[in-house]
N, C-alpha and C. Protein backbone atom coordinates (compact mmCIF):
# COMPACT_ATOMS: atom_id res chain seq x y z
N MET A 1 -74.29 116.77 65.01
CA MET A 1 -74.58 117.96 64.25
C MET A 1 -76.08 118.18 64.16
N PHE A 2 -76.79 117.28 63.51
CA PHE A 2 -78.25 117.38 63.41
C PHE A 2 -78.91 116.20 64.10
N GLY A 3 -78.18 115.45 64.85
CA GLY A 3 -78.72 114.29 65.52
C GLY A 3 -78.88 113.10 64.58
N LEU A 4 -78.11 113.08 63.50
CA LEU A 4 -78.18 111.98 62.56
C LEU A 4 -77.11 110.95 62.89
N GLY A 5 -77.53 109.72 62.98
CA GLY A 5 -76.60 108.64 63.22
C GLY A 5 -76.11 108.05 61.91
N PRO A 6 -75.27 107.05 61.98
CA PRO A 6 -74.74 106.44 60.75
C PRO A 6 -75.83 105.78 59.90
N PHE A 7 -76.83 105.22 60.54
CA PHE A 7 -77.91 104.57 59.78
C PHE A 7 -78.71 105.60 58.98
N GLU A 8 -79.01 106.74 59.60
CA GLU A 8 -79.77 107.78 58.91
C GLU A 8 -78.99 108.36 57.73
N ILE A 9 -77.69 108.57 57.92
CA ILE A 9 -76.87 109.10 56.84
C ILE A 9 -76.79 108.10 55.69
N LEU A 10 -76.65 106.82 56.01
CA LEU A 10 -76.63 105.78 54.98
C LEU A 10 -77.96 105.72 54.24
N LEU A 11 -79.05 105.83 54.95
CA LEU A 11 -80.37 105.81 54.32
C LEU A 11 -80.55 107.01 53.39
N ILE A 12 -80.13 108.19 53.81
CA ILE A 12 -80.22 109.38 52.96
C ILE A 12 -79.37 109.19 51.70
N GLY A 13 -78.18 108.63 51.85
CA GLY A 13 -77.32 108.37 50.70
C GLY A 13 -77.93 107.40 49.72
N ILE A 14 -78.55 106.34 50.22
CA ILE A 14 -79.19 105.35 49.34
C ILE A 14 -80.38 105.96 48.60
N VAL A 15 -81.18 106.73 49.31
CA VAL A 15 -82.33 107.38 48.67
C VAL A 15 -81.86 108.36 47.60
N ALA A 16 -80.82 109.13 47.88
CA ALA A 16 -80.29 110.07 46.89
C ALA A 16 -79.74 109.31 45.68
N LEU A 17 -79.10 108.19 45.90
CA LEU A 17 -78.57 107.39 44.80
C LEU A 17 -79.69 106.84 43.93
N VAL A 18 -80.77 106.41 44.56
CA VAL A 18 -81.90 105.87 43.79
C VAL A 18 -82.59 106.99 43.01
N ILE A 19 -82.76 108.15 43.62
CA ILE A 19 -83.47 109.24 42.96
C ILE A 19 -82.65 109.84 41.82
N PHE A 20 -81.40 110.16 42.06
CA PHE A 20 -80.61 110.89 41.08
C PHE A 20 -79.73 110.01 40.21
N GLY A 21 -79.43 108.81 40.61
CA GLY A 21 -78.62 107.91 39.80
C GLY A 21 -77.14 108.09 40.05
N PRO A 22 -76.37 107.07 39.68
CA PRO A 22 -74.93 107.11 39.97
C PRO A 22 -74.15 108.11 39.12
N LYS A 23 -74.67 108.51 37.97
CA LYS A 23 -73.94 109.45 37.12
C LYS A 23 -74.12 110.89 37.59
N LYS A 24 -75.28 111.22 38.05
CA LYS A 24 -75.58 112.60 38.42
C LYS A 24 -75.14 112.94 39.85
N LEU A 25 -75.05 111.95 40.71
CA LEU A 25 -74.74 112.19 42.12
C LEU A 25 -73.37 112.85 42.35
N PRO A 26 -72.29 112.43 41.69
CA PRO A 26 -71.00 113.12 41.91
C PRO A 26 -71.02 114.58 41.45
N GLU A 27 -71.73 114.86 40.35
CA GLU A 27 -71.84 116.24 39.87
C GLU A 27 -72.57 117.11 40.89
N MET A 28 -73.62 116.55 41.45
CA MET A 28 -74.39 117.30 42.45
C MET A 28 -73.57 117.53 43.71
N GLY A 29 -72.80 116.54 44.12
CA GLY A 29 -71.94 116.69 45.29
C GLY A 29 -70.88 117.76 45.08
N SER A 30 -70.32 117.78 43.88
CA SER A 30 -69.30 118.78 43.56
C SER A 30 -69.89 120.18 43.56
N SER A 31 -71.05 120.34 42.95
CA SER A 31 -71.67 121.67 42.91
C SER A 31 -72.12 122.11 44.30
N LEU A 32 -72.55 121.17 45.12
CA LEU A 32 -72.93 121.50 46.50
C LEU A 32 -71.70 121.95 47.30
N GLY A 33 -70.58 121.26 47.10
CA GLY A 33 -69.34 121.65 47.78
C GLY A 33 -68.87 123.04 47.37
N LYS A 34 -68.96 123.34 46.07
CA LYS A 34 -68.57 124.67 45.59
C LYS A 34 -69.49 125.74 46.16
N ALA A 35 -70.78 125.44 46.24
CA ALA A 35 -71.73 126.42 46.77
C ALA A 35 -71.46 126.70 48.24
N ILE A 36 -71.16 125.66 49.00
CA ILE A 36 -70.85 125.85 50.43
C ILE A 36 -69.56 126.65 50.58
N LYS A 37 -68.56 126.36 49.75
CA LYS A 37 -67.29 127.09 49.80
C LYS A 37 -67.50 128.57 49.50
N ASN A 38 -68.28 128.87 48.46
CA ASN A 38 -68.56 130.27 48.12
C ASN A 38 -69.35 130.96 49.22
N PHE A 39 -70.28 130.26 49.81
CA PHE A 39 -71.07 130.84 50.90
C PHE A 39 -70.19 131.18 52.09
N LYS A 40 -69.31 130.25 52.46
CA LYS A 40 -68.42 130.49 53.59
C LYS A 40 -67.48 131.67 53.33
N SER A 41 -66.94 131.74 52.12
CA SER A 41 -66.04 132.85 51.81
C SER A 41 -66.80 134.17 51.76
N GLY A 42 -68.03 134.14 51.33
CA GLY A 42 -68.84 135.36 51.31
C GLY A 42 -69.21 135.83 52.69
N VAL A 43 -69.45 134.90 53.59
CA VAL A 43 -69.82 135.26 54.96
C VAL A 43 -68.59 135.73 55.74
N SER A 44 -67.44 135.11 55.49
CA SER A 44 -66.25 135.42 56.28
C SER A 44 -65.61 136.75 55.89
N THR A 45 -65.76 137.17 54.64
CA THR A 45 -65.18 138.45 54.25
C THR A 45 -66.04 139.58 54.79
N GLU A 46 -65.37 140.54 55.35
CA GLU A 46 -66.09 141.67 55.94
C GLU A 46 -66.39 142.67 54.85
N GLU A 47 -67.64 143.03 54.75
CA GLU A 47 -68.03 144.00 53.73
C GLU A 47 -67.72 145.40 54.21
N THR A 48 -67.16 146.19 53.32
CA THR A 48 -66.93 147.59 53.64
C THR A 48 -68.06 148.39 53.04
N PRO A 49 -68.65 149.27 53.81
CA PRO A 49 -69.76 150.04 53.27
C PRO A 49 -69.28 151.00 52.20
N ALA A 50 -70.11 151.20 51.22
CA ALA A 50 -69.78 152.11 50.14
C ALA A 50 -69.75 153.54 50.67
N PRO A 51 -68.82 154.34 50.19
CA PRO A 51 -68.78 155.73 50.68
C PRO A 51 -70.04 156.48 50.26
N LYS A 52 -70.54 157.26 51.17
CA LYS A 52 -71.74 158.02 50.88
C LYS A 52 -71.39 159.23 50.03
N GLU A 53 -72.21 159.48 49.04
CA GLU A 53 -71.98 160.63 48.19
C GLU A 53 -72.53 161.86 48.88
N THR A 54 -71.78 162.93 48.77
CA THR A 54 -72.27 164.17 49.35
C THR A 54 -73.11 164.90 48.31
N VAL A 55 -74.24 165.35 48.73
CA VAL A 55 -75.14 166.06 47.83
C VAL A 55 -74.87 167.54 47.99
N GLN A 56 -74.52 168.18 46.88
CA GLN A 56 -74.26 169.61 46.93
C GLN A 56 -75.54 170.37 46.64
N GLN A 57 -75.81 171.35 47.47
CA GLN A 57 -76.99 172.18 47.29
C GLN A 57 -76.73 173.15 46.14
N PRO A 58 -77.69 173.35 45.28
CA PRO A 58 -77.48 174.30 44.19
C PRO A 58 -77.36 175.72 44.76
N THR A 59 -76.46 176.48 44.16
CA THR A 59 -76.28 177.85 44.64
C THR A 59 -77.36 178.73 44.03
N LEU A 60 -77.95 179.56 44.87
CA LEU A 60 -79.00 180.47 44.43
C LEU A 60 -78.36 181.77 43.95
N PRO A 61 -78.93 182.38 42.94
CA PRO A 61 -78.40 183.68 42.51
C PRO A 61 -78.58 184.71 43.62
N SER A 62 -77.66 185.64 43.70
CA SER A 62 -77.69 186.61 44.78
C SER A 62 -78.83 187.62 44.65
N GLY A 63 -79.35 187.77 43.45
CA GLY A 63 -80.46 188.70 43.25
C GLY A 63 -80.03 190.13 43.00
N LYS A 64 -78.74 190.36 42.88
CA LYS A 64 -78.24 191.70 42.60
C LYS A 64 -78.16 191.92 41.12
N ASP A 65 -78.71 193.02 40.64
CA ASP A 65 -78.62 193.38 39.22
C ASP A 65 -77.56 194.46 39.09
N SER A 66 -76.56 194.26 38.31
CA SER A 66 -75.51 195.28 38.12
C SER A 66 -75.39 195.69 36.70
């Protein structure tokens, strides 16, 4: 994927564990998973463009006096 081997992934995991601690790491993993899921669903759904509003020109008086 990114050219990371098992040693590099293990090293990243250990560094993350040391920095964030064992209590915060599962919460961060869960929120990261939810963010990726929302991103994928947002990208995969096709957006429909909003209908354009038609601008009506104001009618001018005819200029006839009766």
